[in-house]
Amino acid sequence: MRAPALWTPYCGVAPQIGEWRWNLDPVLLAALGLAAVVIGARLEGRRRGLGIAAMAVLAVGFVSPLCALSSALFSARTIHHVLLVGVAAPLLASMLPVRRAGSLILATAVQAVVLWAWHAPDAYASALSNDGVYWVMQASLLASAVWFWCAVRSATPPAAVVALLATMLAMGLLGAVLTFAGQAVYAPHAYTTLAWGLTPLEDQQAAGLIMWAPAAALYLFAALWRLGRMIGSDVEARPA
């Protein structure tokens, strides 16, 4: 069953199972292509590779069939958001020069608030019924995440580890809330999940598990990596 006409997401109406639709929006393709050209021309070496990788991740999220699938399944939308804040954002942050990015506490708090705010049912429904709101959602999620990762890069190792673990907890808590909500709360997916063999509640629970485990684990791994580098530096600095 198709979703009611009220929900007209940017990525198009929810596809049926087996329907793999690419998003060939010329404005989007031009923007991603121009960004890739600028990165290729302005950056070199590792930074260029990181920037191109970030553009590839954004293409997966906004151009590949994942875009259309996220109109049908909230769990696919969750994967899309995880790619945005947990993969594309750190790649973009790593592409930029290391510099002071403002308060790490503020960056951590803003990213958490933005993430939670857009997963409120009414805000989410607004984003799936208006292209302008949709792009505000995507831009704010990406911008707040890039700020967070930039702040983490420029912070001392102990502060970075604490911020990453705090973000992991915020992500995991949101995932737990979605998993144990007991009822489906996202109206745009009330009619779109059954074609994919899931009830709206099962789809929401799958999204919560994705956010609770693999998504939160990205921040845990980053914290462990930063902690490992700090310990390694301390060992090397000790006199023989």
Protein backbone atom coordinates (compact mmCIF):
# COMPACT_ATOMS: atom_id res chain seq x y z
CA MET A 1 0.00 0.00 0.00
CA ARG A 2 1.26 3.44 -0.88
CA ALA A 3 1.52 6.10 1.80
CA PRO A 4 -1.14 8.82 1.81
CA ALA A 5 -0.42 11.74 -0.53
CA LEU A 6 0.30 13.92 2.51
CA TRP A 7 3.75 12.37 2.75
CA THR A 8 5.79 13.34 -0.29
CA PRO A 9 9.42 12.94 0.80
CA TYR A 10 12.26 14.50 -1.17
CA CYS A 11 13.38 11.01 -2.19
CA GLY A 12 9.94 10.29 -3.71
CA VAL A 13 7.07 8.06 -2.76
CA ALA A 14 7.91 4.89 -0.88
CA PRO A 15 9.05 2.15 -3.27
CA GLN A 16 7.57 -1.32 -3.30
CA ILE A 17 9.75 -4.32 -2.52
CA GLY A 18 12.12 -5.03 -5.39
CA GLU A 19 11.87 -1.47 -6.70
CA TRP A 20 15.36 0.04 -6.61
CA ARG A 21 15.09 3.67 -7.63
CA TRP A 22 18.05 6.04 -7.95
CA ASN A 23 17.72 9.75 -7.18
CA LEU A 24 18.92 11.63 -10.25
CA ASP A 25 18.02 15.12 -9.09
CA PRO A 26 20.17 17.32 -11.39
CA VAL A 27 20.70 19.99 -8.73
CA LEU A 28 21.92 17.43 -6.21
CA LEU A 29 24.17 15.71 -8.76
CA ALA A 30 25.62 19.06 -9.82
CA ALA A 31 26.28 20.06 -6.19
CA LEU A 32 28.02 16.78 -5.36
CA GLY A 33 29.98 16.87 -8.61
CA LEU A 34 31.09 20.47 -8.08
CA ALA A 35 32.13 19.71 -4.51
CA ALA A 36 34.18 16.73 -5.70
CA VAL A 37 35.88 18.87 -8.37
CA VAL A 38 36.74 21.60 -5.86
CA ILE A 39 38.12 19.04 -3.41
CA GLY A 40 40.17 17.42 -6.15
CA ALA A 41 41.56 20.76 -7.29
CA ARG A 42 42.18 22.43 -3.91
CA LEU A 43 43.37 19.56 -1.72
CA GLU A 44 46.19 17.07 -2.00
CA GLY A 45 47.16 13.68 -0.72
CA ARG A 46 45.33 12.24 2.25
CA ARG A 47 43.02 15.24 2.63
CA ARG A 48 41.89 14.92 -0.98
CA GLY A 49 41.19 11.23 -0.50
CA LEU A 50 39.17 11.89 2.64
CA GLY A 51 37.12 14.57 0.87
CA ILE A 52 36.37 12.35 -2.12
CA ALA A 53 35.42 9.52 0.24
CA ALA A 54 33.02 11.88 2.03
CA MET A 55 31.39 12.81 -1.29
CA ALA A 56 31.02 9.11 -2.09
CA VAL A 57 29.29 8.50 1.23
CA LEU A 58 26.94 11.43 0.60
CA ALA A 59 26.19 9.99 -2.84
CA VAL A 60 25.27 6.66 -1.25
CA GLY A 61 22.90 8.46 1.10
CA PHE A 62 21.25 10.83 -1.36
CA VAL A 63 21.66 9.30 -4.83
CA SER A 64 21.63 5.52 -4.40
CA PRO A 65 18.41 3.50 -3.86
CA LEU A 66 18.92 4.04 -0.13
CA CYS A 67 17.36 7.48 -0.62
CA ALA A 68 14.09 6.05 -1.94
CA LEU A 69 14.17 3.17 0.54
CA SER A 70 14.33 5.70 3.38
CA SER A 71 10.91 6.91 2.26
CA ALA A 72 9.56 3.44 2.94
CA LEU A 73 11.48 2.32 6.02
CA PHE A 74 12.45 4.33 9.08
CA SER A 75 15.25 1.81 9.59
CA ALA A 76 16.68 2.82 6.18
CA ARG A 77 16.36 6.47 7.20
CA THR A 78 18.35 5.62 10.33
CA ILE A 79 21.12 4.06 8.23
CA HIS A 80 21.06 7.22 6.10
CA HIS A 81 21.49 9.42 9.19
CA VAL A 82 24.24 7.21 10.59
CA LEU A 83 26.15 7.52 7.31
CA LEU A 84 25.69 11.28 7.53
CA VAL A 85 26.81 11.92 11.14
CA GLY A 86 29.04 8.91 11.78
CA VAL A 87 30.85 8.45 8.44
CA ALA A 88 30.57 11.48 6.13
CA ALA A 89 30.97 14.03 8.95
CA PRO A 90 34.24 12.64 10.38
CA LEU A 91 35.64 12.30 6.86
CA LEU A 92 34.82 15.94 6.17
CA ALA A 93 36.24 17.01 9.52
CA SER A 94 39.45 15.07 8.84
CA MET A 95 39.70 16.77 5.45
CA LEU A 96 39.86 20.19 7.13
CA PRO A 97 42.96 21.63 8.81
CA VAL A 98 43.18 20.97 12.53
CA ARG A 99 42.23 24.16 14.38
CA ARG A 100 40.29 25.23 17.41
CA ALA A 101 36.61 24.52 16.72
CA GLY A 102 35.08 26.22 19.73
CA SER A 103 33.80 24.57 22.86
CA LEU A 104 33.86 20.78 22.73
CA ILE A 105 31.13 20.65 25.36
CA LEU A 106 28.91 22.94 23.28
CA ALA A 107 29.59 21.02 20.06
CA THR A 108 28.76 17.73 21.78
CA ALA A 109 25.55 19.13 23.25
CA VAL A 110 24.41 20.75 20.00
CA GLN A 111 24.95 17.56 18.00
CA ALA A 112 22.93 15.55 20.54
CA VAL A 113 20.11 18.10 20.63
CA VAL A 114 19.92 18.28 16.81
CA LEU A 115 19.88 14.48 16.52
CA TRP A 116 17.16 14.05 19.14
CA ALA A 117 15.11 16.99 17.85
CA TRP A 118 14.84 15.64 14.31
CA HIS A 119 13.76 12.25 15.63
CA ALA A 120 10.80 13.79 17.41
CA PRO A 121 7.74 12.48 15.50
CA ASP A 122 6.34 15.89 14.52
CA ALA A 123 9.69 17.26 13.33
CA TYR A 124 10.38 14.08 11.38
CA ALA A 125 6.94 14.19 9.76
CA SER A 126 7.52 17.81 8.74
CA ALA A 127 10.79 16.87 7.05
CA LEU A 128 9.08 14.15 5.04
CA SER A 129 6.28 16.42 3.88
CA ASN A 130 8.32 19.46 2.79
CA ASP A 131 11.56 19.48 0.78
CA GLY A 132 12.75 22.68 2.43
CA VAL A 133 12.38 21.21 5.92
CA TYR A 134 13.99 18.00 4.68
CA TRP A 135 17.13 19.83 3.63
CA VAL A 136 17.20 21.83 6.86
CA MET A 137 17.17 18.49 8.68
CA GLN A 138 19.97 17.04 6.58
CA ALA A 139 22.11 20.21 6.67
CA SER A 140 21.75 20.65 10.43
CA LEU A 141 22.56 17.01 11.13
CA LEU A 142 25.66 17.14 8.93
CA ALA A 143 26.85 20.59 10.07
CA SER A 144 26.48 19.83 13.78
CA ALA A 145 28.27 16.50 13.31
CA VAL A 146 31.15 18.08 11.35
CA TRP A 147 31.51 20.69 14.11
CA PHE A 148 31.56 17.92 16.72
CA TRP A 149 34.23 15.90 14.91
CA CYS A 150 36.33 19.01 14.29
CA ALA A 151 36.12 19.84 18.01
CA VAL A 152 37.10 16.27 18.88
CA ARG A 153 40.14 16.46 16.59
CA SER A 154 41.39 19.69 18.17
CA ALA A 155 40.67 18.65 21.78
CA THR A 156 43.05 17.00 24.19
CA PRO A 157 42.83 13.18 24.13
CA PRO A 158 41.04 12.85 27.53
CA ALA A 159 38.44 15.48 26.56
CA ALA A 160 37.95 13.88 23.15
CA VAL A 161 37.39 10.45 24.69
CA VAL A 162 34.81 11.83 27.13
CA ALA A 163 32.97 13.66 24.33
CA LEU A 164 32.92 10.57 22.13
CA LEU A 165 31.61 8.39 24.95
CA ALA A 166 28.96 11.00 25.79
CA THR A 167 27.84 10.99 22.15
CA MET A 168 27.79 7.20 22.16
CA LEU A 169 25.48 7.30 25.17
CA ALA A 170 23.21 9.89 23.55
CA MET A 171 22.98 7.80 20.37
CA GLY A 172 22.44 4.59 22.31
CA LEU A 173 19.79 6.12 24.54
CA LEU A 174 17.82 7.37 21.54
CA GLY A 175 18.08 3.91 20.03
CA ALA A 176 16.81 2.34 23.24
CA VAL A 177 13.86 4.74 23.39
CA LEU A 178 12.89 3.81 19.82
CA THR A 179 13.35 0.10 20.47
CA PHE A 180 11.21 -0.03 23.63
CA ALA A 181 8.62 2.62 22.70
CA GLY A 182 5.92 -0.05 22.49
CA GLN A 183 4.14 1.64 19.60
CA ALA A 184 5.06 3.07 16.22
CA VAL A 185 5.31 6.86 16.41
CA TYR A 186 6.32 7.90 12.87
CA ALA A 187 3.22 8.64 10.83
CA PRO A 188 4.98 8.81 7.42
CA HIS A 189 5.83 5.11 7.73
CA ALA A 190 2.42 3.90 8.89
CA TYR A 191 1.57 2.62 5.38
CA THR A 192 5.00 1.99 3.86
CA THR A 193 6.63 -0.86 5.76
CA LEU A 194 4.25 -3.77 5.18
CA ALA A 195 5.34 -4.14 1.56
CA TRP A 196 8.83 -4.86 2.92
CA GLY A 197 7.62 -7.52 5.37
CA LEU A 198 7.73 -5.32 8.48
CA THR A 199 5.08 -3.74 10.63
CA PRO A 200 5.69 -0.05 11.44
CA LEU A 201 6.62 -1.05 14.99
CA GLU A 202 9.08 -3.73 13.82
CA ASP A 203 10.64 -1.20 11.44
CA GLN A 204 10.99 1.31 14.27
CA GLN A 205 12.50 -1.33 16.55
CA ALA A 206 15.01 -2.27 13.84
CA ALA A 207 15.94 1.41 13.53
CA GLY A 208 16.40 1.62 17.28
CA LEU A 209 18.68 -1.41 17.31
CA ILE A 210 20.76 0.05 14.47
CA MET A 211 21.18 3.27 16.43
CA TRP A 212 21.70 1.48 19.73
CA ALA A 213 24.41 -0.94 18.60
CA PRO A 214 26.39 -0.33 15.37
CA ALA A 215 25.83 3.44 15.27
CA ALA A 216 26.84 3.95 18.90
CA ALA A 217 29.77 1.59 18.35
CA LEU A 218 31.27 4.02 15.81
CA TYR A 219 31.82 6.51 18.63
CA LEU A 220 33.11 3.82 20.97
CA PHE A 221 35.68 2.71 18.40
CA ALA A 222 36.72 6.33 17.82
CA ALA A 223 37.13 6.81 21.59
CA LEU A 224 39.20 3.62 21.91
CA TRP A 225 41.36 4.68 18.96
CA ARG A 226 41.99 8.10 20.48
CA LEU A 227 42.68 6.49 23.86
CA GLY A 228 45.10 4.03 22.25
CA ARG A 229 47.00 6.86 20.58
CA MET A 230 47.21 8.72 23.89
CA ILE A 231 48.57 5.65 25.70
CA GLY A 232 51.01 4.97 22.87
CA SER A 233 52.31 8.53 23.01
CA ASP A 234 52.77 8.28 26.79
CA VAL A 235 54.75 5.04 26.41
CA GLU A 236 57.01 6.54 23.75
CA ALA A 237 57.60 9.62 25.88
CA ARG A 238 58.86 7.64 28.89
CA PRO A 239 62.64 7.59 29.29
CA ALA A 240 64.31 4.25 28.67
